[in-house]
PDB file of N, CA and C in Angstrom:
ATOM      1  N   MET A   1      47.203  -7.698   6.240  1.00  0.00           N
ATOM      2  CA  MET A   1      47.904  -8.011   7.468  1.00  0.00           C
ATOM      3  C   MET A   1      47.005  -8.804   8.412  1.00  0.00           C
ATOM      4  N   TYR A   2      45.724  -8.416   8.442  1.00  0.00           N
ATOM      5  CA  TYR A   2      44.780  -9.108   9.322  1.00  0.00           C
ATOM      6  C   TYR A   2      44.697 -10.591   8.977  1.00  0.00           C
ATOM      7  N   GLN A   3      44.592 -10.897   7.688  1.00  0.00           N
ATOM      8  CA  GLN A   3      44.484 -12.297   7.267  1.00  0.00           C
ATOM      9  C   GLN A   3      45.741 -13.075   7.629  1.00  0.00           C
ATOM     10  N   LEU A   4      46.887 -12.495   7.379  1.00  0.00           N
ATOM     11  CA  LEU A   4      48.139 -13.187   7.682  1.00  0.00           C
ATOM     12  C   LEU A   4      48.297 -13.421   9.178  1.00  0.00           C
ATOM     13  N   LEU A   5      48.003 -12.406   9.975  1.00  0.00           N
ATOM     14  CA  LEU A   5      48.107 -12.532  11.424  1.00  0.00           C
ATOM     15  C   LEU A   5      47.126 -13.573  11.957  1.00  0.00           C
ATOM     16  N   THR A   6      45.916 -13.575  11.435  1.00  0.00           N
ATOM     17  CA  THR A   6      44.905 -14.536  11.877  1.00  0.00           C
ATOM     18  C   THR A   6      45.329 -15.959  11.544  1.00  0.00           C
ATOM     19  N   ARG A   7      45.859 -16.176  10.343  1.00  0.00           N
ATOM     20  CA  ARG A   7      46.317 -17.516   9.954  1.00  0.00           C
ATOM     21  C   ARG A   7      47.456 -17.994  10.837  1.00  0.00           C
ATOM     22  N   LYS A   8      48.415 -17.115  11.101  1.00  0.00           N
ATOM     23  CA  LYS A   8      49.561 -17.482  11.940  1.00  0.00           C
ATOM     24  C   LYS A   8      49.114 -17.845  13.356  1.00  0.00           C
ATOM     25  N   LEU A   9      48.274 -17.004  13.939  1.00  0.00           N
ATOM     26  CA  LEU A   9      47.837 -17.243  15.310  1.00  0.00           C
ATOM     27  C   LEU A   9      46.938 -18.473  15.419  1.00  0.00           C
ATOM     28  N   ALA A  10      46.140 -18.744  14.402  1.00  0.00           N
ATOM     29  CA  ALA A  10      45.225 -19.893  14.446  1.00  0.00           C
ATOM     30  C   ALA A  10      45.978 -21.212  14.522  1.00  0.00           C
ATOM     31  N   ALA A  11      47.191 -21.240  14.025  1.00  0.00           N
ATOM     32  CA  ALA A  11      47.979 -22.472  14.068  1.00  0.00           C
ATOM     33  C   ALA A  11      48.462 -22.799  15.481  1.00  0.00           C
ATOM     34  N   HIS A  12      48.544 -21.788  16.345  1.00  0.00           N
ATOM     35  CA  HIS A  12      49.120 -21.994  17.678  1.00  0.00           C
ATOM     36  C   HIS A  12      48.168 -21.705  18.835  1.00  0.00           C
ATOM     37  N   ASP A  13      47.208 -20.810  18.624  1.00  0.00           N
ATOM     38  CA  ASP A  13      46.363 -20.341  19.710  1.00  0.00           C
ATOM     39  C   ASP A  13      44.889 -20.600  19.414  1.00  0.00           C
ATOM     40  N   SER A  14      44.077 -20.505  20.451  1.00  0.00           N
ATOM     41  CA  SER A  14      42.631 -20.637  20.276  1.00  0.00           C
ATOM     42  C   SER A  14      42.082 -19.389  19.584  1.00  0.00           C
ATOM     43  N   ALA A  15      40.858 -19.498  19.096  1.00  0.00           N
ATOM     44  CA  ALA A  15      40.225 -18.352  18.437  1.00  0.00           C
ATOM     45  C   ALA A  15      40.067 -17.183  19.405  1.00  0.00           C
ATOM     46  N   GLU A  16      39.796 -17.493  20.653  1.00  0.00           N
ATOM     47  CA  GLU A  16      39.634 -16.436  21.650  1.00  0.00           C
ATOM     48  C   GLU A  16      40.939 -15.661  21.855  1.00  0.00           C
ATOM     49  N   THR A  17      42.049 -16.382  21.930  1.00  0.00           N
ATOM     50  CA  THR A  17      43.348 -15.733  22.088  1.00  0.00           C
ATOM     51  C   THR A  17      43.690 -14.922  20.842  1.00  0.00           C
ATOM     52  N   SER A  18      43.441 -15.499  19.678  1.00  0.00           N
ATOM     53  CA  SER A  18      43.728 -14.803  18.416  1.00  0.00           C
ATOM     54  C   SER A  18      42.962 -13.497  18.316  1.00  0.00           C
ATOM     55  N   ILE A  19      41.679 -13.535  18.635  1.00  0.00           N
ATOM     56  CA  ILE A  19      40.875 -12.333  18.516  1.00  0.00           C
ATOM     57  C   ILE A  19      41.318 -11.274  19.524  1.00  0.00           C
ATOM     58  N   THR A  20      41.795 -11.697  20.679  1.00  0.00           N
ATOM     59  CA  THR A  20      42.301 -10.746  21.672  1.00  0.00           C
ATOM     60  C   THR A  20      43.558 -10.056  21.158  1.00  0.00           C
ATOM     61  N   TYR A  21      44.493 -10.818  20.610  1.00  0.00           N
ATOM     62  CA  TYR A  21      45.720 -10.218  20.058  1.00  0.00           C
ATOM     63  C   TYR A  21      45.407  -9.257  18.916  1.00  0.00           C
ATOM     64  N   ILE A  22      44.510  -9.667  18.039  1.00  0.00           N
ATOM     65  CA  ILE A  22      44.178  -8.832  16.890  1.00  0.00           C
ATOM     66  C   ILE A  22      43.475  -7.554  17.347  1.00  0.00           C
ATOM     67  N   ALA A  23      42.570  -7.673  18.327  1.00  0.00           N
ATOM     68  CA  ALA A  23      41.884  -6.486  18.849  1.00  0.00           C
ATOM     69  C   ALA A  23      42.876  -5.532  19.509  1.00  0.00           C
ATOM     70  N   LEU A  24      43.826  -6.066  20.272  1.00  0.00           N
ATOM     71  CA  LEU A  24      44.831  -5.211  20.907  1.00  0.00           C
ATOM     72  C   LEU A  24      45.714  -4.514  19.883  1.00  0.00           C
ATOM     73  N   ALA A  25      46.129  -5.256  18.854  1.00  0.00           N
ATOM     74  CA  ALA A  25      46.954  -4.652  17.803  1.00  0.00           C
ATOM     75  C   ALA A  25      46.176  -3.548  17.085  1.00  0.00           C
ATOM     76  N   GLY A  26      44.910  -3.805  16.757  1.00  0.00           N
ATOM     77  CA  GLY A  26      44.083  -2.786  16.109  1.00  0.00           C
ATOM     78  C   GLY A  26      43.873  -1.574  16.998  1.00  0.00           C
ATOM     79  N   PHE A  27      43.664  -1.814  18.294  1.00  0.00           N
ATOM     80  CA  PHE A  27      43.481  -0.717  19.243  1.00  0.00           C
ATOM     81  C   PHE A  27      44.713   0.174  19.286  1.00  0.00           C
ATOM     82  N   VAL A  28      45.881  -0.444  19.401  1.00  0.00           N
ATOM     83  CA  VAL A  28      47.123   0.341  19.491  1.00  0.00           C
ATOM     84  C   VAL A  28      47.359   1.130  18.202  1.00  0.00           C
ATOM     85  N   LEU A  29      47.198   0.464  17.060  1.00  0.00           N
ATOM     86  CA  LEU A  29      47.483   1.135  15.786  1.00  0.00           C
ATOM     87  C   LEU A  29      46.494   2.257  15.471  1.00  0.00           C
ATOM     88  N   THR A  30      45.243   2.097  15.858  1.00  0.00           N
ATOM     89  CA  THR A  30      44.278   3.158  15.570  1.00  0.00           C
ATOM     90  C   THR A  30      44.270   4.256  16.623  1.00  0.00           C
ATOM     91  N   THR A  31      44.845   3.991  17.789  1.00  0.00           N
ATOM     92  CA  THR A  31      44.906   5.015  18.832  1.00  0.00           C
ATOM     93  C   THR A  31      45.976   6.057  18.527  1.00  0.00           C
ATOM     94  N   ILE A  32      46.992   5.691  17.799  1.00  0.00           N
ATOM     95  CA  ILE A  32      48.086   6.629  17.494  1.00  0.00           C
ATOM     96  C   ILE A  32      47.577   7.884  16.776  1.00  0.00           C
ATOM     97  N   PRO A  33      46.800   7.755  15.689  1.00  0.00           N
ATOM     98  CA  PRO A  33      46.333   8.983  15.025  1.00  0.00           C
ATOM     99  C   PRO A  33      45.076   9.595  15.647  1.00  0.00           C
ATOM    100  N   LEU A  34      44.485   8.941  16.645  1.00  0.00           N
ATOM    101  CA  LEU A  34      43.204   9.380  17.210  1.00  0.00           C
ATOM    102  C   LEU A  34      43.166  10.842  17.638  1.00  0.00           C
ATOM    103  N   PRO A  35      44.157  11.349  18.346  1.00  0.00           N
ATOM    104  CA  PRO A  35      44.061  12.758  18.778  1.00  0.00           C
ATOM    105  C   PRO A  35      43.981  13.745  17.613  1.00  0.00           C
ATOM    106  N   PHE A  36      44.439  13.342  16.455  1.00  0.00           N
ATOM    107  CA  PHE A  36      44.487  14.255  15.312  1.00  0.00           C
ATOM    108  C   PHE A  36      43.214  14.220  14.459  1.00  0.00           C
ATOM    109  N   VAL A  37      42.409  13.148  14.603  1.00  0.00           N
ATOM    110  CA  VAL A  37      41.247  12.998  13.728  1.00  0.00           C
ATOM    111  C   VAL A  37      39.928  12.839  14.484  1.00  0.00           C
ATOM    112  N   TRP A  38      39.949  12.844  15.817  1.00  0.00           N
ATOM    113  CA  TRP A  38      38.741  12.572  16.595  1.00  0.00           C
ATOM    114  C   TRP A  38      37.655  13.606  16.330  1.00  0.00           C
ATOM    115  N   LYS A  39      36.433  13.101  16.141  1.00  0.00           N
ATOM    116  CA  LYS A  39      35.247  13.938  16.031  1.00  0.00           C
ATOM    117  C   LYS A  39      34.176  13.292  16.894  1.00  0.00           C
ATOM    118  N   THR A  40      33.659  13.999  17.851  1.00  0.00           N
ATOM    119  CA  THR A  40      32.642  13.466  18.753  1.00  0.00           C
ATOM    120  C   THR A  40      31.363  13.172  17.962  1.00  0.00           C
ATOM    121  N   PRO A  41      30.769  11.992  18.178  1.00  0.00           N
ATOM    122  CA  PRO A  41      29.513  11.658  17.476  1.00  0.00           C
ATOM    123  C   PRO A  41      28.433  12.710  17.741  1.00  0.00           C
ATOM    124  N   ASP A  42      27.641  12.982  16.722  1.00  0.00           N
ATOM    125  CA  ASP A  42      26.629  14.031  16.805  1.00  0.00           C
ATOM    126  C   ASP A  42      25.385  13.628  17.586  1.00  0.00           C
ATOM    127  N   SER A  43      25.071  12.342  17.589  1.00  0.00           N
ATOM    128  CA  SER A  43      23.820  11.926  18.222  1.00  0.00           C
ATOM    129  C   SER A  43      23.970  10.546  18.856  1.00  0.00           C
ATOM    130  N   LEU A  44      22.976  10.194  19.650  1.00  0.00           N
ATOM    131  CA  LEU A  44      22.934   8.869  20.250  1.00  0.00           C
ATOM    132  C   LEU A  44      22.842   7.796  19.167  1.00  0.00           C
ATOM    133  N   ARG A  45      22.162   8.103  18.082  1.00  0.00           N
ATOM    134  CA  ARG A  45      22.062   7.157  16.965  1.00  0.00           C
ATOM    135  C   ARG A  45      23.442   6.824  16.399  1.00  0.00           C
ATOM    136  N   ASP A  46      24.284   7.829  16.249  1.00  0.00           N
ATOM    137  CA  ASP A  46      25.647   7.594  15.768  1.00  0.00           C
ATOM    138  C   ASP A  46      26.429   6.707  16.736  1.00  0.00           C
ATOM    139  N   VAL A  47      26.271   6.951  18.029  1.00  0.00           N
ATOM    140  CA  VAL A  47      26.939   6.127  19.037  1.00  0.00           C
ATOM    141  C   VAL A  47      26.469   4.678  18.926  1.00  0.00           C
ATOM    142  N   LEU A  48      25.161   4.488  18.747  1.00  0.00           N
ATOM    143  CA  LEU A  48      24.627   3.133  18.588  1.00  0.00           C
ATOM    144  C   LEU A  48      25.153   2.469  17.318  1.00  0.00           C
ATOM    145  N   TYR A  49      25.291   3.231  16.246  1.00  0.00           N
ATOM    146  CA  TYR A  49      25.881   2.685  15.011  1.00  0.00           C
ATOM    147  C   TYR A  49      27.312   2.206  15.273  1.00  0.00           C
ATOM    148  N   PHE A  50      28.088   3.035  15.955  1.00  0.00           N
ATOM    149  CA  PHE A  50      29.472   2.653  16.255  1.00  0.00           C
ATOM    150  C   PHE A  50      29.526   1.412  17.139  1.00  0.00           C
ATOM    151  N   CYS A  51      28.663   1.352  18.132  1.00  0.00           N
ATOM    152  CA  CYS A  51      28.637   0.181  19.022  1.00  0.00           C
ATOM    153  C   CYS A  51      28.227  -1.078  18.270  1.00  0.00           C
ATOM    154  N   SER A  52      27.210  -0.962  17.422  1.00  0.00           N
ATOM    155  CA  SER A  52      26.786  -2.137  16.655  1.00  0.00           C
ATOM    156  C   SER A  52      27.874  -2.559  15.669  1.00  0.00           C
ATOM    157  N   LEU A  53      28.565  -1.600  15.104  1.00  0.00           N
ATOM    158  CA  LEU A  53      29.684  -1.923  14.219  1.00  0.00           C
ATOM    159  C   LEU A  53      30.760  -2.692  14.971  1.00  0.00           C
ATOM    160  N   GLY A  54      31.033  -2.296  16.197  1.00  0.00           N
ATOM    161  CA  GLY A  54      32.017  -2.997  17.020  1.00  0.00           C
ATOM    162  C   GLY A  54      31.596  -4.417  17.335  1.00  0.00           C
ATOM    163  N   VAL A  55      30.335  -4.598  17.706  1.00  0.00           N
ATOM    164  CA  VAL A  55      29.842  -5.944  18.043  1.00  0.00           C
ATOM    165  C   VAL A  55      29.842  -6.843  16.806  1.00  0.00           C
ATOM    166  N   ILE A  56      29.311  -6.342  15.701  1.00  0.00           N
ATOM    167  CA  ILE A  56      29.270  -7.145  14.472  1.00  0.00           C
ATOM    168  C   ILE A  56      30.685  -7.462  13.995  1.00  0.00           C
ATOM    169  N   GLY A  57      31.582  -6.491  14.068  1.00  0.00           N
ATOM    170  CA  GLY A  57      32.977  -6.730  13.675  1.00  0.00           C
ATOM    171  C   GLY A  57      33.650  -7.753  14.557  1.00  0.00           C
ATOM    172  N   ALA A  58      33.415  -7.677  15.867  1.00  0.00           N
ATOM    173  CA  ALA A  58      34.021  -8.643  16.792  1.00  0.00           C
ATOM    174  C   ALA A  58      33.526 -10.057  16.505  1.00  0.00           C
ATOM    175  N   VAL A  59      32.242 -10.209  16.277  1.00  0.00           N
ATOM    176  CA  VAL A  59      31.699 -11.533  15.949  1.00  0.00           C
ATOM    177  C   VAL A  59      32.293 -12.036  14.636  1.00  0.00           C
ATOM    178  N   GLY A  60      32.379 -11.165  13.654  1.00  0.00           N
ATOM    179  CA  GLY A  60      32.971 -11.557  12.375  1.00  0.00           C
ATOM    180  C   GLY A  60      34.421 -11.990  12.512  1.00  0.00           C
ATOM    181  N   HIS A  61      35.212 -11.246  13.266  1.00  0.00           N
ATOM    182  CA  HIS A  61      36.619 -11.600  13.483  1.00  0.00           C
ATOM    183  C   HIS A  61      36.737 -12.930  14.217  1.00  0.00           C
ATOM    184  N   TYR A  62      35.880 -13.132  15.195  1.00  0.00           N
ATOM    185  CA  TYR A  62      35.904 -14.397  15.933  1.00  0.00           C
ATOM    186  C   TYR A  62      35.593 -15.572  15.004  1.00  0.00           C
ATOM    187  N   LEU A  63      34.590 -15.412  14.155  1.00  0.00           N
ATOM    188  CA  LEU A  63      34.217 -16.499  13.247  1.00  0.00           C
ATOM    189  C   LEU A  63      35.315 -16.794  12.228  1.00  0.00           C
ATOM    190  N   VAL A  64      36.006 -15.762  11.770  1.00  0.00           N
ATOM    191  CA  VAL A  64      37.137 -15.982  10.860  1.00  0.00           C
ATOM    192  C   VAL A  64      38.250 -16.743  11.572  1.00  0.00           C
ATOM    193  N   ALA A  65      38.549 -16.358  12.808  1.00  0.00           N
ATOM    194  CA  ALA A  65      39.583 -17.058  13.581  1.00  0.00           C
ATOM    195  C   ALA A  65      39.195 -18.517  13.807  1.00  0.00           C
ATOM    196  N   ARG A  66      37.930 -18.764  14.108  1.00  0.00           N
ATOM    197  CA  ARG A  66      37.454 -20.154  14.291  1.00  0.00           C
ATOM    198  C   ARG A  66      37.569 -20.932  12.984  1.00  0.00           C
ATOM    199  N   ALA A  67      37.256 -20.299  11.881  1.00  0.00           N
ATOM    200  CA  ALA A  67      37.349 -20.974  10.592  1.00  0.00           C
ATOM    201  C   ALA A  67      38.789 -21.390  10.299  1.00  0.00           C
ATOM    202  N   PHE A  68      39.739 -20.486  10.548  1.00  0.00           N
ATOM    203  CA  PHE A  68      41.146 -20.820  10.306  1.00  0.00           C
ATOM    204  C   PHE A  68      41.650 -21.879  11.283  1.00  0.00           C
ATOM    205  N   THR A  69      41.035 -21.980  12.450  1.00  0.00           N
ATOM    206  CA  THR A  69      41.405 -23.015  13.415  1.00  0.00           C
ATOM    207  C   THR A  69      40.906 -24.384  12.958  1.00  0.00           C
ATOM    208  N   ASN A  70      39.729 -24.407  12.332  1.00  0.00           N
ATOM    209  CA  ASN A  70      39.078 -25.669  11.987  1.00  0.00           C
ATOM    210  C   ASN A  70      39.313 -26.155  10.565  1.00  0.00           C
ATOM    211  N   ALA A  71      39.873 -25.321   9.702  1.00  0.00           N
ATOM    212  CA  ALA A  71      40.063 -25.723   8.302  1.00  0.00           C
ATOM    213  C   ALA A  71      41.341 -25.093   7.767  1.00  0.00           C
ATOM    214  N   PRO A  72      41.927 -25.710   6.740  1.00  0.00           N
ATOM    215  CA  PRO A  72      43.138 -25.134   6.143  1.00  0.00           C
ATOM    216  C   PRO A  72      42.846 -23.790   5.473  1.00  0.00           C
ATOM    217  N   ALA A  73      43.859 -22.939   5.454  1.00  0.00           N
ATOM    218  CA  ALA A  73      43.699 -21.583   4.904  1.00  0.00           C
ATOM    219  C   ALA A  73      43.279 -21.605   3.445  1.00  0.00           C
ATOM    220  N   ASN A  74      43.774 -22.576   2.658  1.00  0.00           N
ATOM    221  CA  ASN A  74      43.425 -22.595   1.237  1.00  0.00           C
ATOM    222  C   ASN A  74      41.949 -22.947   1.013  1.00  0.00           C
ATOM    223  N   ILE A  75      41.287 -23.493   2.017  1.00  0.00           N
ATOM    224  CA  ILE A  75      39.854 -23.763   1.916  1.00  0.00           C
ATOM    225  C   ILE A  75      39.053 -22.565   2.418  1.00  0.00           C
ATOM    226  N   VAL A  76      39.499 -21.936   3.483  1.00  0.00           N
ATOM    227  CA  VAL A  76      38.756 -20.830   4.109  1.00  0.00           C
ATOM    228  C   VAL A  76      38.874 -19.539   3.300  1.00  0.00           C
ATOM    229  N   SER A  77      40.049 -19.214   2.830  1.00  0.00           N
ATOM    230  CA  SER A  77      40.302 -17.910   2.203  1.00  0.00           C
ATOM    231  C   SER A  77      39.373 -17.559   1.043  1.00  0.00           C
ATOM    232  N   PRO A  78      39.073 -18.482   0.126  1.00  0.00           N
ATOM    233  CA  PRO A  78      38.193 -18.084  -0.982  1.00  0.00           C
ATOM    234  C   PRO A  78      36.808 -17.600  -0.537  1.00  0.00           C
ATOM    235  N   PHE A  79      36.328 -18.048   0.606  1.00  0.00           N
ATOM    236  CA  PHE A  79      35.026 -17.583   1.078  1.00  0.00           C
ATOM    237  C   PHE A  79      35.053 -16.109   1.457  1.00  0.00           C
ATOM    238  N   GLN A  80      36.210 -15.573   1.705  1.00  0.00           N
ATOM    239  CA  GLN A  80      36.303 -14.166   2.077  1.00  0.00           C
ATOM    240  C   GLN A  80      36.095 -13.240   0.886  1.00  0.00           C
ATOM    241  N   TYR A  81      36.083 -13.800  -0.313  1.00  0.00           N
ATOM    242  CA  TYR A  81      35.817 -12.975  -1.491  1.00  0.00           C
ATOM    243  C   TYR A  81      34.368 -12.507  -1.530  1.00  0.00           C
ATOM    244  N   VAL A  82      33.518 -13.081  -0.708  1.00  0.00           N
ATOM    245  CA  VAL A  82      32.134 -12.621  -0.594  1.00  0.00           C
ATOM    246  C   VAL A  82      32.121 -11.173  -0.098  1.00  0.00           C
ATOM    247  N   GLN A  83      33.192 -10.756   0.575  1.00  0.00           N
ATOM    248  CA  GLN A  83      33.291  -9.365   1.035  1.00  0.00           C
ATOM    249  C   GLN A  83      33.202  -8.391  -0.137  1.00  0.00           C
ATOM    250  N   LEU A  84      33.711  -8.783  -1.280  1.00  0.00           N
ATOM    251  CA  LEU A  84      33.631  -7.908  -2.459  1.00  0.00           C
ATOM    252  C   LEU A  84      32.176  -7.631  -2.824  1.00  0.00           C
ATOM    253  N   ILE A  85      31.356  -8.669  -2.786  1.00  0.00           N
ATOM    254  CA  ILE A  85      29.941  -8.504  -3.112  1.00  0.00           C
ATOM    255  C   ILE A  85      29.274  -7.595  -2.085  1.00  0.00           C
ATOM    256  N   GLY A  86      29.563  -7.821  -0.809  1.00  0.00           N
ATOM    257  CA  GLY A  86      28.989  -6.982   0.236  1.00  0.00           C
ATOM    258  C   GLY A  86      29.424  -5.533   0.117  1.00  0.00           C
ATOM    259  N   SER A  87      30.686  -5.313  -0.206  1.00  0.00           N
ATOM    260  CA  SER A  87      31.192  -3.945  -0.337  1.00  0.00           C
ATOM    261  C   SER A  87      30.533  -3.211  -1.501  1.00  0.00           C
ATOM    262  N   VAL A  88      30.382  -3.908  -2.609  1.00  0.00           N
ATOM    263  CA  VAL A  88      29.719  -3.291  -3.764  1.00  0.00           C
ATOM    264  C   VAL A  88      28.269  -2.966  -3.421  1.00  0.00           C
ATOM    265  N   THR A  89      27.597  -3.888  -2.754  1.00  0.00           N
ATOM    266  CA  THR A  89      26.195  -3.673  -2.387  1.00  0.00           C
ATOM    267  C   THR A  89      26.040  -2.482  -1.454  1.00  0.00           C
ATOM    268  N   VAL A  90      26.851  -2.429  -0.396  1.00  0.00           N
ATOM    269  CA  VAL A  90      26.777  -1.311   0.548  1.00  0.00           C
ATOM    270  C   VAL A  90      27.126   0.007  -0.152  1.00  0.00           C
ATOM    271  N   GLY A  91      28.163   0.004  -0.979  1.00  0.00           N
ATOM    272  CA  GLY A  91      28.557   1.209  -1.695  1.00  0.00           C
ATOM    273  C   GLY A  91      27.460   1.728  -2.610  1.00  0.00           C
ATOM    274  N   TYR A  92      26.767   0.815  -3.267  1.00  0.00           N
ATOM    275  CA  TYR A  92      25.710   1.225  -4.183  1.00  0.00           C
ATOM    276  C   TYR A  92      24.451   1.680  -3.437  1.00  0.00           C
ATOM    277  N   VAL A  93      24.016   0.875  -2.463  1.00  0.00           N
ATOM    278  CA  VAL A  93      22.775   1.178  -1.747  1.00  0.00           C
ATOM    279  C   VAL A  93      22.887   2.459  -0.921  1.00  0.00           C
ATOM    280  N   PHE A  94      23.982   2.614  -0.184  1.00  0.00           N
ATOM    281  CA  PHE A  94      24.098   3.742   0.731  1.00  0.00           C
ATOM    282  C   PHE A  94      24.748   4.984   0.129  1.00  0.00           C
ATOM    283  N   PHE A  95      25.610   4.802  -0.861  1.00  0.00           N
ATOM    284  CA  PHE A  95      26.353   5.937  -1.389  1.00  0.00           C
ATOM    285  C   PHE A  95      26.147   6.175  -2.879  1.00  0.00           C
ATOM    286  N   GLY A  96      25.399   5.287  -3.543  1.00  0.00           N
ATOM    287  CA  GLY A  96      25.160   5.450  -4.972  1.00  0.00           C
ATOM    288  C   GLY A  96      26.407   5.270  -5.809  1.00  0.00           C
ATOM    289  N   ASP A  97      27.395   4.590  -5.275  1.00  0.00           N
ATOM    290  CA  ASP A  97      28.679   4.401  -5.951  1.00  0.00           C
ATOM    291  C   ASP A  97      28.754   2.991  -6.530  1.00  0.00           C
ATOM    292  N   PHE A  98      29.148   2.891  -7.783  1.00  0.00           N
ATOM    293  CA  PHE A  98      29.292   1.589  -8.422  1.00  0.00           C
ATOM    294  C   PHE A  98      30.691   1.505  -9.025  1.00  0.00           C
ATOM    295  N   PRO A  99      31.405   0.392  -8.806  1.00  0.00           N
ATOM    296  CA  PRO A  99      32.780   0.282  -9.296  1.00  0.00           C
ATOM    297  C   PRO A  99      32.872   0.395 -10.825  1.00  0.00           C
ATOM    298  N   ASP A 100      33.969   0.978 -11.286  1.00  0.00           N
ATOM    299  CA  ASP A 100      34.188   1.087 -12.721  1.00  0.00           C
ATOM    300  C   ASP A 100      34.826  -0.202 -13.265  1.00  0.00           C
ATOM    301  N   LEU A 101      35.070  -0.230 -14.557  1.00  0.00           N
ATOM    302  CA  LEU A 101      35.573  -1.426 -15.219  1.00  0.00           C
ATOM    303  C   LEU A 101      36.925  -1.877 -14.666  1.00  0.00           C
ATOM    304  N   LEU A 102      37.836  -0.945 -14.429  1.00  0.00           N
ATOM    305  CA  LEU A 102      39.152  -1.325 -13.922  1.00  0.00           C
ATOM    306  C   LEU A 102      39.068  -1.945 -12.523  1.00  0.00           C
ATOM    307  N   THR A 103      38.137  -1.488 -11.721  1.00  0.00           N
ATOM    308  CA  THR A 103      37.943  -2.091 -10.398  1.00  0.00           C
ATOM    309  C   THR A 103      37.482  -3.533 -10.535  1.00  0.00           C
ATOM    310  N   TRP A 104      36.552  -3.774 -11.458  1.00  0.00           N
ATOM    311  CA  TRP A 104      36.072  -5.145 -11.683  1.00  0.00           C
ATOM    312  C   TRP A 104      37.182  -6.035 -12.226  1.00  0.00           C
ATOM    313  N   VAL A 105      38.016  -5.495 -13.096  1.00  0.00           N
ATOM    314  CA  VAL A 105      39.148  -6.277 -13.616  1.00  0.00           C
ATOM    315  C   VAL A 105      40.102  -6.626 -12.481  1.00  0.00           C
ATOM    316  N   GLY A 106      40.416  -5.657 -11.629  1.00  0.00           N
ATOM    317  CA  GLY A 106      41.290  -5.917 -10.487  1.00  0.00           C
ATOM    318  C   GLY A 106      40.700  -6.943  -9.538  1.00  0.00           C
ATOM    319  N   ALA A 107      39.403  -6.839  -9.266  1.00  0.00           N
ATOM    320  CA  ALA A 107      38.738  -7.806  -8.391  1.00  0.00           C
ATOM    321  C   ALA A 107      38.781  -9.200  -9.007  1.00  0.00           C
ATOM    322  N   ALA A 108      38.567  -9.292 -10.304  1.00  0.00           N
ATOM    323  CA  ALA A 108      38.608 -10.593 -10.977  1.00  0.00           C
ATOM    324  C   ALA A 108      40.007 -11.211 -10.902  1.00  0.00           C
ATOM    325  N   ILE A 109      41.034 -10.394 -11.027  1.00  0.00           N
ATOM    326  CA  ILE A 109      42.409 -10.892 -10.922  1.00  0.00           C
ATOM    327  C   ILE A 109      42.683 -11.406  -9.511  1.00  0.00           C
ATOM    328  N   ILE A 110      42.267 -10.651  -8.511  1.00  0.00           N
ATOM    329  CA  ILE A 110      42.487 -11.059  -7.121  1.00  0.00           C
ATOM    330  C   ILE A 110      41.741 -12.351  -6.808  1.00  0.00           C
ATOM    331  N   VAL A 111      40.463 -12.404  -7.159  1.00  0.00           N
ATOM    332  CA  VAL A 111      39.660 -13.606  -6.886  1.00  0.00           C
ATOM    333  C   VAL A 111      40.197 -14.789  -7.674  1.00  0.00           C
ATOM    334  N   GLY A 112      40.482 -14.584  -8.952  1.00  0.00           N
ATOM    335  CA  GLY A 112      41.012 -15.679  -9.779  1.00  0.00           C
ATOM    336  C   GLY A 112      42.329 -16.215  -9.252  1.00  0.00           C
ATOM    337  N   SER A 113      43.206 -15.328  -8.836  1.00  0.00           N
ATOM    338  CA  SER A 113      44.501 -15.756  -8.285  1.00  0.00           C
ATOM    339  C   SER A 113      44.324 -16.547  -7.006  1.00  0.00           C
ATOM    340  N   GLY A 114      43.472 -16.037  -6.123  1.00  0.00           N
ATOM    341  CA  GLY A 114      43.230 -16.741  -4.864  1.00  0.00           C
ATOM    342  C   GLY A 114      42.624 -18.108  -5.081  1.00  0.00           C
ATOM    343  N   LEU A 115      41.649 -18.200  -5.978  1.00  0.00           N
ATOM    344  CA  LEU A 115      41.019 -19.493  -6.260  1.00  0.00           C
ATOM    345  C   LEU A 115      42.008 -20.464  -6.909  1.00  0.00           C
ATOM    346  N   TYR A 116      42.848 -19.943  -7.803  1.00  0.00           N
ATOM    347  CA  TYR A 116      43.838 -20.801  -8.451  1.00  0.00           C
ATOM    348  C   TYR A 116      44.843 -21.345  -7.436  1.00  0.00           C
ATOM    349  N   ILE A 117      45.312 -20.495  -6.545  1.00  0.00           N
ATOM    350  CA  ILE A 117      46.273 -20.938  -5.527  1.00  0.00           C
ATOM    351  C   ILE A 117      45.633 -21.988  -4.621  1.00  0.00           C
ATOM    352  N   GLY A 118      44.408 -21.735  -4.188  1.00  0.00           N
ATOM    353  CA  GLY A 118      43.722 -22.715  -3.364  1.00  0.00           C
ATOM    354  C   GLY A 118      43.527 -24.037  -4.080  1.00  0.00           C
ATOM    355  N   TRP A 119      43.126 -23.964  -5.336  1.00  0.00           N
ATOM    356  CA  TRP A 119      42.917 -25.177  -6.126  1.00  0.00           C
ATOM    357  C   TRP A 119      44.228 -25.912  -6.351  1.00  0.00           C
ATOM    358  N   SER A 120      45.295 -25.197  -6.684  1.00  0.00           N
ATOM    359  CA  SER A 120      46.579 -25.860  -6.958  1.00  0.00           C
ATOM    360  C   SER A 120      47.153 -26.521  -5.715  1.00  0.00           C
ATOM    361  N   GLN A 121      46.962 -25.919  -4.541  1.00  0.00           N
ATOM    362  CA  GLN A 121      47.455 -26.543  -3.320  1.00  0.00           C
ATOM    363  C   GLN A 121      46.619 -27.756  -2.944  1.00  0.00           C
ATOM    364  N   THR A 122      45.333 -27.712  -3.259  1.00  0.00           N
ATOM    365  CA  THR A 122      44.489 -28.877  -2.988  1.00  0.00           C
ATOM    366  C   THR A 122      44.896 -30.041  -3.887  1.00  0.00           C
ATOM    367  N   ILE A 123      45.179 -29.756  -5.152  1.00  0.00           N
ATOM    368  CA  ILE A 123      45.610 -30.783  -6.105  1.00  0.00           C
ATOM    369  C   ILE A 123      46.960 -31.353  -5.684  1.00  0.00           C
ATOM    370  N   ARG A 124      47.872 -30.490  -5.245  1.00  0.00           N
ATOM    371  CA  ARG A 124      49.212 -30.915  -4.863  1.00  0.00           C
ATOM    372  C   ARG A 124      49.185 -31.875  -3.658  1.00  0.00           C
ATOM    373  N   LYS A 125      48.243 -31.658  -2.723  1.00  0.00           N
ATOM    374  CA  LYS A 125      48.148 -32.509  -1.544  1.00  0.00           C
ATOM    375  C   LYS A 125      47.558 -33.880  -1.868  1.00  0.00           C
ATOM    376  N   SER A 126      46.828 -33.980  -2.968  1.00  0.00           N
ATOM    377  CA  SER A 126      46.189 -35.260  -3.323  1.00  0.00           C
ATOM    378  C   SER A 126      47.177 -36.292  -3.802  1.00  0.00           C
TER     379      SER A 126
END
């Protein structure tokens, strides 16, 4: 949903406006279950982790919105597959978890499909 919303808004609004709408939508949607799942952070370190996560996430969302503003979606979208590499790395380093074969097959299908669609639309425009 985030990718679709970002692409739609980038066609009409600035990156700053897009990121504001997306942040508001995320705030509203995550506030609904908040009273049922809230757990107060245990330490100042945890609070700093949450704050840094917010800042890094905001910068990342802004850069994605800017990318969709400056380039066609079929060019920008394949670069987001780098998230798979980052997720595997974080999962392995911090949690000792490594994806199984079916996960890799699913990831290959998703990446292959996205790259094929991007390539076919680029060829079609030529």
